[in-house]
Amino acid sequence: MSALRDKILSKVYQASFSAADVSLWERVLAKTPDELLEDIAHFVELSPESMSYLNENLKKKAEALEKGDTKLLDEIFEDQKKFLQKLAPNLNLNI
């Protein structure tokens, strides 16, 4: 496992998520390309308080994908965009 995956997972473990949530993170991160892992790790470092949001977001995406619900996915991505736009000024992000 890469150092970036380990770094993100350590934050997941520290967040005290349920075993099912941790398992979801482990499965998703195992298949996530390194380029995206860099972005996730950077975001988690800049905004560790956002772990709860990221966890809920990940669970909603998994549910939408399992159901094949593209409308729900669109809603999730729109919510995610708003969330990131709200954080962007504080984290020096360009969104």
N, C-alpha and C. Protein backbone atom coordinates (compact mmCIF):
# COMPACT_ATOMS: atom_id res chain seq x y z
N MET A 1 0.86 -1.19 0.00
CA MET A 1 0.00 0.00 0.00
C MET A 1 0.90 1.24 0.00
N SER A 2 0.48 2.24 -0.70
CA SER A 2 1.29 3.45 -0.82
C SER A 2 1.28 4.27 0.46
N ALA A 3 2.27 5.12 0.57
CA ALA A 3 2.36 6.00 1.74
C ALA A 3 1.16 6.95 1.79
N LEU A 4 0.69 7.38 0.62
CA LEU A 4 -0.47 8.28 0.59
C LEU A 4 -1.72 7.57 1.10
N ARG A 5 -1.92 6.32 0.66
CA ARG A 5 -3.06 5.55 1.16
C ARG A 5 -2.98 5.40 2.68
N ASP A 6 -1.78 5.09 3.15
CA ASP A 6 -1.58 4.92 4.59
C ASP A 6 -1.89 6.22 5.34
N LYS A 7 -1.47 7.33 4.77
CA LYS A 7 -1.69 8.63 5.39
C LYS A 7 -3.19 8.93 5.51
N ILE A 8 -3.92 8.68 4.42
CA ILE A 8 -5.36 8.92 4.43
C ILE A 8 -6.06 7.96 5.39
N LEU A 9 -5.67 6.69 5.32
CA LEU A 9 -6.30 5.71 6.21
C LEU A 9 -6.03 6.01 7.68
N SER A 10 -4.88 6.56 7.99
CA SER A 10 -4.63 6.90 9.39
C SER A 10 -5.62 7.95 9.87
N LYS A 11 -5.98 8.89 9.00
CA LYS A 11 -6.99 9.90 9.34
C LYS A 11 -8.37 9.24 9.49
N VAL A 12 -8.65 8.27 8.63
CA VAL A 12 -9.92 7.54 8.71
C VAL A 12 -10.00 6.81 10.04
N TYR A 13 -8.92 6.12 10.42
CA TYR A 13 -8.91 5.39 11.68
C TYR A 13 -9.04 6.34 12.88
N GLN A 14 -8.40 7.49 12.81
CA GLN A 14 -8.47 8.47 13.89
C GLN A 14 -9.88 9.05 14.04
N ALA A 15 -10.63 9.05 12.95
CA ALA A 15 -11.97 9.64 12.97
C ALA A 15 -12.99 8.75 13.67
N SER A 16 -12.62 7.55 14.00
CA SER A 16 -13.50 6.62 14.71
C SER A 16 -14.79 6.32 13.95
N PHE A 17 -14.66 6.09 12.65
CA PHE A 17 -15.82 5.70 11.84
C PHE A 17 -16.18 4.25 12.15
N SER A 18 -17.38 3.86 11.74
CA SER A 18 -17.81 2.48 11.95
C SER A 18 -16.94 1.53 11.14
N ALA A 19 -16.97 0.26 11.51
CA ALA A 19 -16.19 -0.75 10.79
C ALA A 19 -16.60 -0.80 9.32
N ALA A 20 -17.89 -0.65 9.05
CA ALA A 20 -18.37 -0.67 7.67
C ALA A 20 -17.83 0.53 6.89
N ASP A 21 -17.79 1.68 7.53
CA ASP A 21 -17.27 2.88 6.87
C ASP A 21 -15.77 2.73 6.59
N VAL A 22 -15.03 2.22 7.56
CA VAL A 22 -13.59 2.01 7.37
C VAL A 22 -13.35 1.03 6.23
N SER A 23 -14.13 -0.02 6.19
CA SER A 23 -14.00 -1.01 5.12
C SER A 23 -14.25 -0.37 3.76
N LEU A 24 -15.25 0.51 3.67
CA LEU A 24 -15.54 1.21 2.42
C LEU A 24 -14.34 2.06 2.01
N TRP A 25 -13.79 2.83 2.94
CA TRP A 25 -12.61 3.64 2.65
C TRP A 25 -11.46 2.76 2.16
N GLU A 26 -11.23 1.65 2.83
CA GLU A 26 -10.13 0.76 2.44
C GLU A 26 -10.32 0.24 1.01
N ARG A 27 -11.54 -0.16 0.68
CA ARG A 27 -11.82 -0.68 -0.67
C ARG A 27 -11.66 0.42 -1.73
N VAL A 28 -12.18 1.59 -1.44
CA VAL A 28 -12.11 2.69 -2.41
C VAL A 28 -10.67 3.14 -2.59
N LEU A 29 -9.96 3.34 -1.49
CA LEU A 29 -8.58 3.82 -1.60
C LEU A 29 -7.67 2.81 -2.28
N ALA A 30 -7.97 1.53 -2.14
CA ALA A 30 -7.16 0.49 -2.79
C ALA A 30 -7.24 0.60 -4.32
N LYS A 31 -8.33 1.18 -4.81
CA LYS A 31 -8.52 1.29 -6.26
C LYS A 31 -8.34 2.72 -6.79
N THR A 32 -7.99 3.63 -5.91
CA THR A 32 -7.85 5.04 -6.29
C THR A 32 -6.45 5.28 -6.86
N PRO A 33 -6.39 5.91 -8.04
CA PRO A 33 -5.08 6.22 -8.63
C PRO A 33 -4.26 7.17 -7.75
N ASP A 34 -2.95 7.04 -7.83
CA ASP A 34 -2.06 7.85 -6.99
C ASP A 34 -2.29 9.35 -7.16
N GLU A 35 -2.61 9.80 -8.38
CA GLU A 35 -2.82 11.22 -8.62
C GLU A 35 -3.97 11.74 -7.75
N LEU A 36 -5.03 10.95 -7.65
CA LEU A 36 -6.17 11.36 -6.82
C LEU A 36 -5.85 11.23 -5.33
N LEU A 37 -5.04 10.23 -4.99
CA LEU A 37 -4.65 10.07 -3.60
C LEU A 37 -3.90 11.30 -3.11
N GLU A 38 -3.08 11.89 -3.97
CA GLU A 38 -2.35 13.11 -3.61
C GLU A 38 -3.32 14.22 -3.25
N ASP A 39 -4.36 14.38 -4.08
CA ASP A 39 -5.36 15.43 -3.83
C ASP A 39 -6.12 15.18 -2.53
N ILE A 40 -6.51 13.93 -2.32
CA ILE A 40 -7.26 13.59 -1.11
C ILE A 40 -6.39 13.81 0.13
N ALA A 41 -5.16 13.33 0.08
CA ALA A 41 -4.26 13.49 1.23
C ALA A 41 -4.01 14.96 1.52
N HIS A 42 -3.84 15.76 0.48
CA HIS A 42 -3.61 17.19 0.65
C HIS A 42 -4.83 17.84 1.30
N PHE A 43 -6.00 17.50 0.81
CA PHE A 43 -7.23 18.07 1.36
C PHE A 43 -7.40 17.68 2.83
N VAL A 44 -7.16 16.43 3.14
CA VAL A 44 -7.31 15.95 4.52
C VAL A 44 -6.33 16.66 5.46
N GLU A 45 -5.13 16.93 4.95
CA GLU A 45 -4.16 17.67 5.75
C GLU A 45 -4.61 19.10 5.99
N LEU A 46 -5.16 19.73 4.95
CA LEU A 46 -5.59 21.13 5.06
C LEU A 46 -6.86 21.28 5.90
N SER A 47 -7.71 20.27 5.83
CA SER A 47 -9.02 20.38 6.48
C SER A 47 -9.41 19.07 7.18
N PRO A 48 -8.68 18.70 8.22
CA PRO A 48 -8.99 17.43 8.90
C PRO A 48 -10.40 17.38 9.48
N GLU A 49 -10.96 18.55 9.78
CA GLU A 49 -12.32 18.58 10.32
C GLU A 49 -13.35 18.18 9.27
N SER A 50 -12.94 18.06 8.03
CA SER A 50 -13.86 17.69 6.96
C SER A 50 -14.01 16.17 6.79
N MET A 51 -13.36 15.40 7.62
CA MET A 51 -13.42 13.94 7.48
C MET A 51 -14.85 13.42 7.57
N SER A 52 -15.65 13.97 8.45
CA SER A 52 -17.05 13.52 8.56
C SER A 52 -17.80 13.77 7.27
N TYR A 53 -17.60 14.96 6.70
CA TYR A 53 -18.25 15.27 5.41
C TYR A 53 -17.78 14.30 4.34
N LEU A 54 -16.47 14.08 4.26
CA LEU A 54 -15.93 13.17 3.24
C LEU A 54 -16.49 11.76 3.41
N ASN A 55 -16.63 11.33 4.65
CA ASN A 55 -17.18 10.00 4.91
C ASN A 55 -18.62 9.89 4.44
N GLU A 56 -19.43 10.86 4.80
CA GLU A 56 -20.84 10.84 4.37
C GLU A 56 -20.95 10.93 2.85
N ASN A 57 -20.11 11.77 2.25
CA ASN A 57 -20.09 11.93 0.80
C ASN A 57 -19.74 10.60 0.12
N LEU A 58 -18.74 9.92 0.64
CA LEU A 58 -18.31 8.64 0.07
C LEU A 58 -19.42 7.60 0.18
N LYS A 59 -20.09 7.55 1.31
CA LYS A 59 -21.18 6.59 1.49
C LYS A 59 -22.34 6.88 0.54
N LYS A 60 -22.66 8.16 0.36
CA LYS A 60 -23.74 8.52 -0.56
C LYS A 60 -23.39 8.14 -2.00
N LYS A 61 -22.14 8.38 -2.39
CA LYS A 61 -21.70 8.02 -3.74
C LYS A 61 -21.78 6.52 -3.94
N ALA A 62 -21.34 5.75 -2.96
CA ALA A 62 -21.39 4.29 -3.07
C ALA A 62 -22.83 3.82 -3.22
N GLU A 63 -23.72 4.40 -2.44
CA GLU A 63 -25.14 4.04 -2.52
C GLU A 63 -25.71 4.38 -3.89
N ALA A 64 -25.41 5.57 -4.38
CA ALA A 64 -25.92 5.99 -5.69
C ALA A 64 -25.39 5.09 -6.80
N LEU A 65 -24.12 4.72 -6.71
CA LEU A 65 -23.54 3.83 -7.73
C LEU A 65 -24.16 2.44 -7.68
N GLU A 66 -24.37 1.95 -6.47
CA GLU A 66 -25.00 0.62 -6.32
C GLU A 66 -26.40 0.61 -6.93
N LYS A 67 -27.12 1.71 -6.79
CA LYS A 67 -28.48 1.80 -7.32
C LYS A 67 -28.51 2.22 -8.79
N GLY A 68 -27.37 2.70 -9.30
CA GLY A 68 -27.34 3.21 -10.66
C GLY A 68 -28.13 4.51 -10.78
N ASP A 69 -28.18 5.28 -9.70
CA ASP A 69 -28.99 6.50 -9.64
C ASP A 69 -28.15 7.71 -10.06
N THR A 70 -28.18 8.03 -11.34
CA THR A 70 -27.37 9.14 -11.85
C THR A 70 -27.89 10.50 -11.34
N LYS A 71 -29.18 10.60 -11.12
CA LYS A 71 -29.73 11.86 -10.59
C LYS A 71 -29.17 12.12 -9.19
N LEU A 72 -29.13 11.09 -8.37
CA LEU A 72 -28.57 11.23 -7.03
C LEU A 72 -27.09 11.58 -7.11
N LEU A 73 -26.37 10.95 -8.03
CA LEU A 73 -24.95 11.28 -8.19
C LEU A 73 -24.77 12.75 -8.56
N ASP A 74 -25.60 13.25 -9.46
CA ASP A 74 -25.53 14.66 -9.84
C ASP A 74 -25.75 15.55 -8.62
N GLU A 75 -26.71 15.19 -7.79
CA GLU A 75 -27.00 15.96 -6.58
C GLU A 75 -25.81 15.93 -5.62
N ILE A 76 -25.20 14.77 -5.49
CA ILE A 76 -24.04 14.61 -4.61
C ILE A 76 -22.89 15.48 -5.10
N PHE A 77 -22.64 15.44 -6.41
CA PHE A 77 -21.55 16.25 -6.96
C PHE A 77 -21.82 17.74 -6.84
N GLU A 78 -23.05 18.14 -6.96
CA GLU A 78 -23.40 19.55 -6.79
C GLU A 78 -23.18 19.97 -5.34
N ASP A 79 -23.60 19.15 -4.40
CA ASP A 79 -23.37 19.42 -2.98
C ASP A 79 -21.88 19.48 -2.68
N GLN A 80 -21.14 18.56 -3.26
CA GLN A 80 -19.69 18.52 -3.07
C GLN A 80 -19.04 19.80 -3.59
N LYS A 81 -19.48 20.24 -4.75
CA LYS A 81 -18.95 21.47 -5.33
C LYS A 81 -19.21 22.66 -4.40
N LYS A 82 -20.42 22.76 -3.88
CA LYS A 82 -20.76 23.85 -2.96
C LYS A 82 -19.91 23.79 -1.69
N PHE A 83 -19.72 22.58 -1.17
CA PHE A 83 -18.92 22.39 0.03
C PHE A 83 -17.49 22.88 -0.22
N LEU A 84 -16.92 22.47 -1.33
CA LEU A 84 -15.54 22.86 -1.65
C LEU A 84 -15.42 24.35 -1.92
N GLN A 85 -16.41 24.92 -2.57
CA GLN A 85 -16.39 26.36 -2.83
C GLN A 85 -16.42 27.15 -1.53
N LYS A 86 -17.16 26.64 -0.56
CA LYS A 86 -17.24 27.30 0.73
C LYS A 86 -15.90 27.24 1.47
N LEU A 87 -15.19 26.12 1.31
CA LEU A 87 -13.90 25.96 1.98
C LEU A 87 -12.75 26.62 1.22
N ALA A 88 -12.89 26.77 -0.07
CA ALA A 88 -11.80 27.21 -0.94
C ALA A 88 -11.06 28.45 -0.45
N PRO A 89 -11.77 29.52 -0.07
CA PRO A 89 -11.04 30.71 0.37
C PRO A 89 -10.15 30.48 1.59
N ASN A 90 -10.60 29.64 2.50
CA ASN A 90 -9.84 29.36 3.72
C ASN A 90 -8.65 28.45 3.47
N LEU A 91 -8.72 27.66 2.40
CA LEU A 91 -7.67 26.67 2.14
C LEU A 91 -6.81 27.04 0.93
N ASN A 92 -7.03 28.21 0.38
CA ASN A 92 -6.31 28.64 -0.82
C ASN A 92 -6.46 27.65 -1.96
N LEU A 93 -7.69 27.23 -2.21
CA LEU A 93 -8.00 26.33 -3.31
C LEU A 93 -8.62 27.10 -4.44
N ASN A 94 -8.35 26.69 -5.65
CA ASN A 94 -9.00 27.26 -6.83
C ASN A 94 -10.02 26.27 -7.34
N ILE A 95 -11.30 26.61 -7.17
CA ILE A 95 -12.36 25.70 -7.59
C ILE A 95 -13.22 26.38 -8.61
